[in-house]
Amino acid sequence: MAVEVMDALDRRLLNELQEGIELVERPYQALADKLGTTEEEVLNRVRALKGDVIRQISAIFDTRSLGYKSSLVAAKIPEERIDQAARVINDHPGVSHNYKRNHAYNLWFTIAVPPNSRLGLEKTVELLGKMAEAEQVRLMPTLKLFKIGVQLDMTGKEDTSKAKAKPAYGYEERKRAAQTVSEFDIAVIRELQKDLSIEPRPFDALAENIGVSTDELLRAGRDLLERKQMRRFAAVLHHRKAGFRFNGMGVWAVPEEQADEVGMKMASFKAVSHCYLRPTYPDWPYSIFTMVHGRTKEECEAILQSIEEETGIRERDVLYSTKEYKKTRVTYFTPEMEEWEEKVIRRFGI
């Protein structure tokens, strides 16, 4: 469904889906109750929006608390080889996002490796850099997380440059250490990370796959939420198809002693979906990253200008994505990672 033909109920539904779906036997009925409509109406609208505006509906897990190690990575690639390099990097099953951006560091990707990785995060990135023939690779791990969670306002009623909101998931949660994950947890995670079917009782088949009742599966899912290993169960939208055609990665040179105060202020902007403290390098002075999404480039610029006025931080840059090579969710505890590592270990004789 084209964004131009969506009505007010479609837009409210998309906002609710992004905020989170209840882990109950009839989740679409629960959505219908919130919206004052019928389950059948919600199902029909989700089906119409799926694949066009809605990318996926599934659990969103916290990588760190599951024992995974992850990082943003910036790479310098000769322009004539950037598409080829992106294909090499995309082949890694732990790469979830990969974008071309308007900077000397022109390829930016996120990667996660499991707790049982034979190579580890740093070695994996080093080898990916070699395989992609990158001129330079910079690890940009999260030193502090101030906020994470994309929720696009589909109603168009907010002044995105000024709106504030307390981060739903941020600094306090990130301080939690990795937690033990049982074999049963892993089985549940493997099911809940699948794209949710659009039918009245979508969790029944997932429960049947691991030989438990639907109630047991949902209780296990709620336990993962309680332990903060699952951040929420929600929809992710195709940003551009939803009308948000620009994403700007605002990067800020913040004095070390101001990082906590400034990071929390930046995270308070509702239009900021991600806010992190990351390491600096001699050729990269920017320590705080803020991701903003807008319907126009001017909307993104207005948000960043408001942040500058609020914080007083003037030294900044903004990197816009000019090509999307990959955008998906990390799939946890799957065999593809071991298979990729085995292939690479053989190739490099490690």
Protein backbone atom coordinates (compact mmCIF):
# COMPACT_ATOMS: atom_id res chain seq x y z
CA MET A 1 0.00 0.00 0.00
CA ALA A 2 1.39 3.39 -0.99
CA VAL A 3 1.88 5.79 1.90
CA GLU A 4 -0.16 8.41 0.05
CA VAL A 5 -3.37 6.31 0.23
CA MET A 6 -3.14 5.30 3.89
CA ASP A 7 -5.92 6.62 6.09
CA ALA A 8 -5.81 7.72 9.74
CA LEU A 9 -6.44 4.20 11.06
CA ASP A 10 -3.57 2.77 8.98
CA ARG A 11 -1.25 5.38 10.45
CA ARG A 12 -2.37 4.78 14.04
CA LEU A 13 -1.98 1.04 13.46
CA LEU A 14 1.59 1.51 12.22
CA ASN A 15 2.43 3.60 15.30
CA GLU A 16 1.05 0.87 17.59
CA LEU A 17 2.88 -1.90 15.72
CA GLN A 18 6.18 -0.04 16.11
CA GLU A 19 5.59 0.61 19.81
CA GLY A 20 5.09 -3.07 20.51
CA ILE A 21 2.76 -6.04 20.22
CA GLU A 22 1.47 -7.85 23.28
CA LEU A 23 2.67 -11.42 23.72
CA VAL A 24 -0.82 -12.88 23.97
CA GLU A 25 -2.62 -15.65 22.09
CA ARG A 26 -4.53 -13.19 19.87
CA PRO A 27 -2.16 -10.20 19.44
CA TYR A 28 -4.11 -8.68 16.56
CA GLN A 29 -7.29 -8.72 18.67
CA ALA A 30 -5.35 -6.87 21.39
CA LEU A 31 -4.34 -4.27 18.78
CA ALA A 32 -7.93 -3.99 17.59
CA ASP A 33 -9.11 -3.33 21.16
CA LYS A 34 -6.61 -0.45 21.46
CA LEU A 35 -7.70 1.03 18.15
CA GLY A 36 -11.43 0.58 18.65
CA THR A 37 -11.94 -1.72 15.68
CA THR A 38 -12.22 -5.43 14.91
CA GLU A 39 -9.59 -8.15 14.72
CA GLU A 40 -10.58 -8.85 11.11
CA GLU A 41 -10.07 -5.18 10.20
CA VAL A 42 -6.59 -5.16 11.79
CA LEU A 43 -5.60 -8.40 10.03
CA ASN A 44 -6.74 -7.07 6.64
CA ARG A 45 -4.88 -3.80 7.11
CA VAL A 46 -1.66 -5.47 8.27
CA ARG A 47 -1.80 -7.80 5.25
CA ALA A 48 -2.20 -4.78 2.95
CA LEU A 49 0.72 -2.96 4.58
CA LYS A 50 3.04 -5.96 4.85
CA GLY A 51 5.93 -6.17 2.40
CA ASP A 52 5.45 -2.59 1.32
CA VAL A 53 5.42 -0.37 4.41
CA ILE A 54 5.93 -3.08 7.06
CA ARG A 55 9.26 -4.85 6.71
CA GLN A 56 8.95 -7.41 9.53
CA ILE A 57 7.06 -8.15 12.74
CA SER A 58 9.11 -10.08 15.29
CA ALA A 59 11.04 -9.97 18.54
CA ILE A 60 13.79 -7.37 18.86
CA PHE A 61 16.51 -8.80 21.09
CA ASP A 62 19.33 -7.12 22.97
CA THR A 63 22.50 -8.41 21.36
CA ARG A 64 24.77 -7.82 24.35
CA SER A 65 22.61 -9.49 26.98
CA LEU A 66 22.44 -12.63 24.80
CA GLY A 67 26.25 -12.83 24.94
CA TYR A 68 26.87 -11.54 21.41
CA LYS A 69 29.52 -8.93 20.65
CA SER A 70 28.70 -6.25 18.13
CA SER A 71 29.99 -3.05 16.60
CA LEU A 72 29.39 -0.40 14.01
CA VAL A 73 32.20 -0.46 11.46
CA ALA A 74 33.35 2.32 9.13
CA ALA A 75 35.34 1.42 6.00
CA LYS A 76 37.09 3.35 3.26
CA ILE A 77 36.55 1.65 -0.10
CA PRO A 78 37.63 2.91 -3.54
CA GLU A 79 34.47 4.20 -5.16
CA GLU A 80 34.76 1.90 -8.18
CA ARG A 81 34.76 -1.20 -5.94
CA ILE A 82 32.23 -0.25 -3.30
CA ASP A 83 29.36 -2.39 -4.65
CA GLN A 84 31.64 -5.43 -4.82
CA ALA A 85 32.95 -4.77 -1.30
CA ALA A 86 29.41 -4.45 0.02
CA ARG A 87 28.50 -7.87 -1.42
CA VAL A 88 31.49 -9.47 0.35
CA ILE A 89 30.52 -7.87 3.67
CA ASN A 90 26.83 -8.71 3.28
CA ASP A 91 27.76 -12.39 2.99
CA HIS A 92 28.54 -12.42 6.72
CA PRO A 93 25.35 -13.62 8.49
CA GLY A 94 25.95 -11.27 11.43
CA VAL A 95 25.90 -8.14 9.26
CA SER A 96 22.44 -6.62 9.67
CA HIS A 97 22.83 -3.10 8.23
CA ASN A 98 25.14 -1.91 5.47
CA TYR A 99 24.98 1.55 3.88
CA LYS A 100 26.95 3.71 1.52
CA ARG A 101 27.34 7.19 3.05
CA ASN A 102 28.58 10.55 1.79
CA HIS A 103 32.00 10.62 3.49
CA ALA A 104 35.60 9.48 2.98
CA TYR A 105 34.52 6.60 5.21
CA ASN A 106 31.93 5.59 2.66
CA LEU A 107 30.74 2.15 3.79
CA TRP A 108 29.16 1.69 7.22
CA PHE A 109 27.90 -1.62 8.53
CA THR A 110 26.85 -3.24 11.80
CA ILE A 111 28.03 -6.70 12.74
CA ALA A 112 27.40 -9.14 15.60
CA VAL A 113 29.20 -12.38 16.44
CA PRO A 114 27.95 -15.07 18.86
CA PRO A 115 29.48 -16.03 22.21
CA ASN A 116 30.93 -19.21 20.69
CA SER A 117 32.65 -17.42 17.79
CA ARG A 118 36.05 -18.95 17.00
CA LEU A 119 37.32 -15.70 15.49
CA GLY A 120 35.83 -13.07 17.76
CA LEU A 121 34.64 -9.63 16.74
CA GLU A 122 37.96 -7.88 16.05
CA LYS A 123 39.44 -10.72 13.97
CA THR A 124 36.20 -11.11 12.02
CA VAL A 125 36.20 -7.40 11.09
CA GLU A 126 39.90 -7.54 10.19
CA LEU A 127 39.29 -10.46 7.82
CA LEU A 128 36.20 -8.82 6.31
CA GLY A 129 38.34 -5.75 5.60
CA LYS A 130 40.89 -7.90 3.80
CA MET A 131 38.26 -9.77 1.82
CA ALA A 132 36.56 -6.50 0.81
CA GLU A 133 39.95 -4.91 -0.02
CA ALA A 134 39.20 -1.93 2.21
CA GLU A 135 41.79 0.83 2.46
CA GLN A 136 40.90 1.45 6.11
CA VAL A 137 38.54 -0.18 8.60
CA ARG A 138 37.52 1.44 11.88
CA LEU A 139 35.73 -0.38 14.67
CA MET A 140 33.16 1.93 16.25
CA PRO A 141 31.82 -0.14 19.18
CA THR A 142 29.26 1.22 21.61
CA LEU A 143 30.97 2.63 24.71
CA LYS A 144 27.67 3.88 26.12
CA LEU A 145 24.17 3.46 24.80
CA PHE A 146 21.91 6.40 25.50
CA LYS A 147 19.01 5.27 23.31
CA ILE A 148 17.94 2.71 20.74
CA GLY A 149 14.59 2.15 19.10
CA VAL A 150 13.16 3.42 15.81
CA GLN A 151 9.56 4.62 16.09
CA LEU A 152 8.47 6.75 13.17
CA ASP A 153 5.48 9.02 13.74
CA MET A 154 3.14 8.03 10.92
CA THR A 155 0.37 10.44 11.96
CA GLY A 156 2.38 13.54 11.03
CA LYS A 157 1.03 15.37 14.08
CA GLU A 158 4.34 15.97 15.85
CA ASP A 159 6.94 18.69 15.33
CA THR A 160 9.76 16.20 14.94
CA SER A 161 12.47 18.80 15.43
CA LYS A 162 11.26 19.69 18.95
CA ALA A 163 9.39 16.66 20.34
CA LYS A 164 10.91 15.06 23.43
CA ALA A 165 10.41 11.63 24.99
CA LYS A 166 12.13 9.54 27.62
CA PRO A 167 14.10 6.75 25.89
CA ALA A 168 12.23 3.45 26.21
CA TYR A 169 15.51 1.57 26.11
CA GLY A 170 18.74 3.27 26.91
CA TYR A 171 21.65 3.82 29.25
CA GLU A 172 20.42 1.98 32.37
CA GLU A 173 19.45 -1.14 30.44
CA ARG A 174 22.72 -1.18 28.52
CA LYS A 175 24.70 -1.40 31.77
CA ARG A 176 23.23 -4.84 32.40
CA ALA A 177 25.74 -7.64 31.89
CA ALA A 178 25.28 -10.55 29.50
CA GLN A 179 23.00 -13.13 31.05
CA THR A 180 22.86 -16.90 30.89
CA VAL A 181 20.77 -18.24 28.04
CA SER A 182 19.36 -21.75 28.48
CA GLU A 183 18.76 -24.25 25.68
CA PHE A 184 15.03 -23.63 26.10
CA ASP A 185 15.62 -19.85 25.83
CA ILE A 186 17.54 -20.43 22.60
CA ALA A 187 14.69 -22.52 21.17
CA VAL A 188 12.22 -19.75 22.05
CA ILE A 189 14.49 -17.04 20.59
CA ARG A 190 14.80 -18.96 17.32
CA GLU A 191 11.01 -18.98 16.98
CA LEU A 192 10.20 -15.45 18.16
CA GLN A 193 12.77 -13.92 15.80
CA LYS A 194 10.79 -15.26 12.83
CA ASP A 195 8.49 -12.91 10.94
CA LEU A 196 5.08 -13.19 12.62
CA SER A 197 2.32 -14.60 10.45
CA ILE A 198 -0.81 -12.51 9.93
CA GLU A 199 -3.56 -14.74 11.31
CA PRO A 200 -5.68 -14.71 14.47
CA ARG A 201 -3.42 -17.06 16.51
CA PRO A 202 0.08 -16.61 15.01
CA PHE A 203 2.03 -17.96 17.99
CA ASP A 204 0.43 -21.43 17.88
CA ALA A 205 2.64 -22.72 15.05
CA LEU A 206 5.79 -21.32 16.68
CA ALA A 207 4.98 -23.13 19.92
CA GLU A 208 4.28 -26.35 18.04
CA ASN A 209 7.71 -26.13 16.36
CA ILE A 210 9.44 -26.58 19.73
CA GLY A 211 6.88 -28.90 21.29
CA VAL A 212 5.37 -26.60 23.91
CA SER A 213 1.98 -25.02 24.46
CA THR A 214 1.28 -21.52 23.20
CA ASP A 215 0.97 -20.35 26.80
CA GLU A 216 4.43 -21.74 27.62
CA LEU A 217 5.97 -20.02 24.61
CA LEU A 218 4.37 -16.68 25.47
CA ARG A 219 5.38 -16.92 29.14
CA ALA A 220 8.97 -17.60 28.02
CA GLY A 221 8.78 -14.56 25.73
CA ARG A 222 7.50 -12.38 28.55
CA ASP A 223 10.35 -13.67 30.74
CA LEU A 224 12.85 -12.56 28.06
CA LEU A 225 11.20 -9.12 28.11
CA GLU A 226 11.38 -8.97 31.89
CA ARG A 227 15.09 -9.87 31.81
CA LYS A 228 15.62 -7.17 29.12
CA GLN A 229 17.03 -9.77 26.73
CA MET A 230 14.13 -8.92 24.43
CA ARG A 231 13.61 -5.18 24.03
CA ARG A 232 10.14 -5.48 22.50
CA PHE A 233 8.08 -7.48 20.04
CA ALA A 234 7.28 -5.03 17.27
CA ALA A 235 7.18 -4.08 13.63
CA VAL A 236 10.02 -2.50 11.68
CA LEU A 237 9.02 -0.37 8.72
CA HIS A 238 10.57 0.19 5.32
CA HIS A 239 11.56 3.77 6.14
CA ARG A 240 11.56 5.07 2.59
CA LYS A 241 8.27 3.40 1.68
CA ALA A 242 6.78 4.81 4.88
CA GLY A 243 7.69 8.28 3.61
CA PHE A 244 10.90 8.77 5.62
CA ARG A 245 13.27 8.95 2.67
CA PHE A 246 16.27 10.43 4.49
CA ASN A 247 18.32 9.10 7.37
CA GLY A 248 21.07 11.29 8.71
CA MET A 249 23.79 10.03 11.03
CA GLY A 250 24.63 13.13 13.04
CA VAL A 251 28.08 12.85 14.61
CA TRP A 252 29.25 15.23 17.32
CA ALA A 253 32.63 16.16 18.81
CA VAL A 254 31.71 16.23 22.50
CA PRO A 255 34.27 16.91 25.26
CA GLU A 256 34.77 13.74 27.31
CA GLU A 257 33.65 15.36 30.56
CA GLN A 258 30.33 16.39 28.96
CA ALA A 259 29.56 13.08 27.24
CA ASP A 260 26.99 11.73 29.73
CA GLU A 261 25.07 14.98 30.09
CA VAL A 262 25.06 15.74 26.37
CA GLY A 263 24.28 12.15 25.38
CA MET A 264 21.17 12.09 27.57
CA LYS A 265 19.99 15.43 26.17
CA MET A 266 20.42 14.21 22.61
CA ALA A 267 18.62 10.95 23.39
CA SER A 268 15.65 12.90 24.75
CA PHE A 269 14.72 14.07 21.25
CA LYS A 270 11.93 11.81 20.02
CA ALA A 271 13.21 12.04 16.44
CA VAL A 272 16.55 10.53 17.52
CA SER A 273 16.19 6.77 17.13
CA HIS A 274 19.75 5.81 18.16
CA CYS A 275 22.22 7.66 20.37
CA TYR A 276 25.63 6.20 21.25
CA LEU A 277 29.01 7.15 22.64
CA ARG A 278 31.72 5.68 20.41
CA PRO A 279 35.54 5.87 20.28
CA THR A 280 37.41 8.65 18.50
CA TYR A 281 40.47 8.39 16.24
CA PRO A 282 43.04 10.93 15.02
CA ASP A 283 41.05 11.29 11.79
CA TRP A 284 37.65 10.97 13.50
CA PRO A 285 36.94 13.42 16.37
CA TYR A 286 33.24 12.61 16.72
CA SER A 287 32.28 10.70 19.87
CA ILE A 288 28.47 10.81 19.97
CA PHE A 289 26.32 9.46 17.15
CA THR A 290 22.64 10.37 16.71
CA MET A 291 20.51 8.78 14.02
CA VAL A 292 17.54 10.79 12.75
CA HIS A 293 14.95 10.01 10.08
CA GLY A 294 12.99 12.54 8.08
CA ARG A 295 10.59 12.85 5.18
CA THR A 296 12.97 15.42 3.70
CA LYS A 297 16.62 16.31 4.13
CA GLU A 298 15.47 19.65 5.52
CA GLU A 299 13.52 17.84 8.25
CA CYS A 300 16.66 15.95 9.30
CA GLU A 301 18.67 19.17 9.27
CA ALA A 302 16.06 20.90 11.45
CA ILE A 303 16.27 18.12 14.03
CA LEU A 304 20.07 18.31 14.14
CA GLN A 305 19.94 22.10 14.40
CA SER A 306 17.58 21.81 17.37
CA ILE A 307 20.00 19.38 19.03
CA GLU A 308 22.86 21.80 18.44
CA GLU A 309 20.89 24.67 20.00
CA GLU A 310 19.89 22.52 23.00
CA THR A 311 23.37 21.18 23.73
CA GLY A 312 25.67 23.94 22.51
CA ILE A 313 27.79 21.42 20.59
CA ARG A 314 28.84 23.09 17.36
CA GLU A 315 31.50 20.76 15.94
CA ARG A 316 29.50 18.19 14.05
CA ASP A 317 28.92 16.49 10.73
CA VAL A 318 26.06 14.55 9.18
CA LEU A 319 26.41 11.50 6.98
CA TYR A 320 23.43 10.62 4.79
CA SER A 321 22.95 7.16 3.37
CA THR A 322 23.04 7.23 -0.41
CA LYS A 323 22.56 3.49 -0.97
CA GLU A 324 21.17 0.69 1.20
CA TYR A 325 23.00 -2.60 0.68
CA LYS A 326 21.47 -4.57 3.53
CA LYS A 327 18.94 -4.03 6.26
CA THR A 328 17.63 -6.91 8.31
CA ARG A 329 17.55 -8.15 11.88
CA VAL A 330 20.32 -10.26 13.31
CA THR A 331 19.21 -13.88 13.60
CA TYR A 332 20.54 -15.44 16.78
CA PHE A 333 21.82 -18.95 17.48
CA THR A 334 21.68 -20.17 13.88
CA PRO A 335 24.20 -22.46 12.11
CA GLU A 336 25.03 -19.97 9.33
CA MET A 337 27.61 -18.20 11.49
CA GLU A 338 29.60 -21.37 12.16
CA GLU A 339 29.48 -22.23 8.46
CA TRP A 340 30.80 -18.76 7.50
CA GLU A 341 33.62 -18.94 10.05
CA GLU A 342 34.65 -22.44 8.95
CA LYS A 343 34.87 -21.28 5.33
CA VAL A 344 36.98 -18.23 6.25
CA ILE A 345 39.26 -20.17 8.62
CA ARG A 346 40.03 -22.60 5.79
CA ARG A 347 40.63 -19.75 3.32
CA PHE A 348 43.14 -17.94 5.55
CA GLY A 349 44.65 -21.06 7.10
CA ILE A 350 43.91 -19.91 10.65
